[in-house]
């Protein structure tokens, strides 16, 4: 008798084998985390990047659909916050950048600003670096970056004076 991948025994075996990683993922999701976790409600589907703003006790998150949000912790965020659900508030929704994603953020504490890497993820037609004031959320500058590709990362050098932005260019592999 020839071996068949569509036999009942093979399909049952594949079903049982695939149940193991699914059961592991479910058990990890239901388990109590070893460290404290803050839960929050989001107004969107996917958040690309999150940074902690220690002076203002808040998380700053970048939106894949463009913009920046903040998740502020209340003053009494001690043990009474175990089951509290925090709220995400949109603080930057720039009409000049509609259709682009806010992919990476860096808090520039000495200059009291937030640097944001902005890119057109689907079309790869637009890349920019923007800065917003951390107190008023006014845009300080918007610099369009040349070249095609999607922005990957944003960080400062060790002196904190130069932001670096990395682009991922589309390339084809030789066959």
Foldseek 3Di string as FASTA:
>chain_A
DDDDCPDPVNVVVVVVVVVVVVVVVVVVVPDDDPDQDAAEDDPDDDWQDWDADVVQQWIWTWFQQGAIWIWHDDPPCPPVRRPPYTYIDTDDDDPVQGQKTFHEWDQLVVVQKIWTWIANVPPQPWTWIWIAHNPRRHTPDIGTDDDGAGWDYWDADPVSPDIDIDGDDDDDDDD
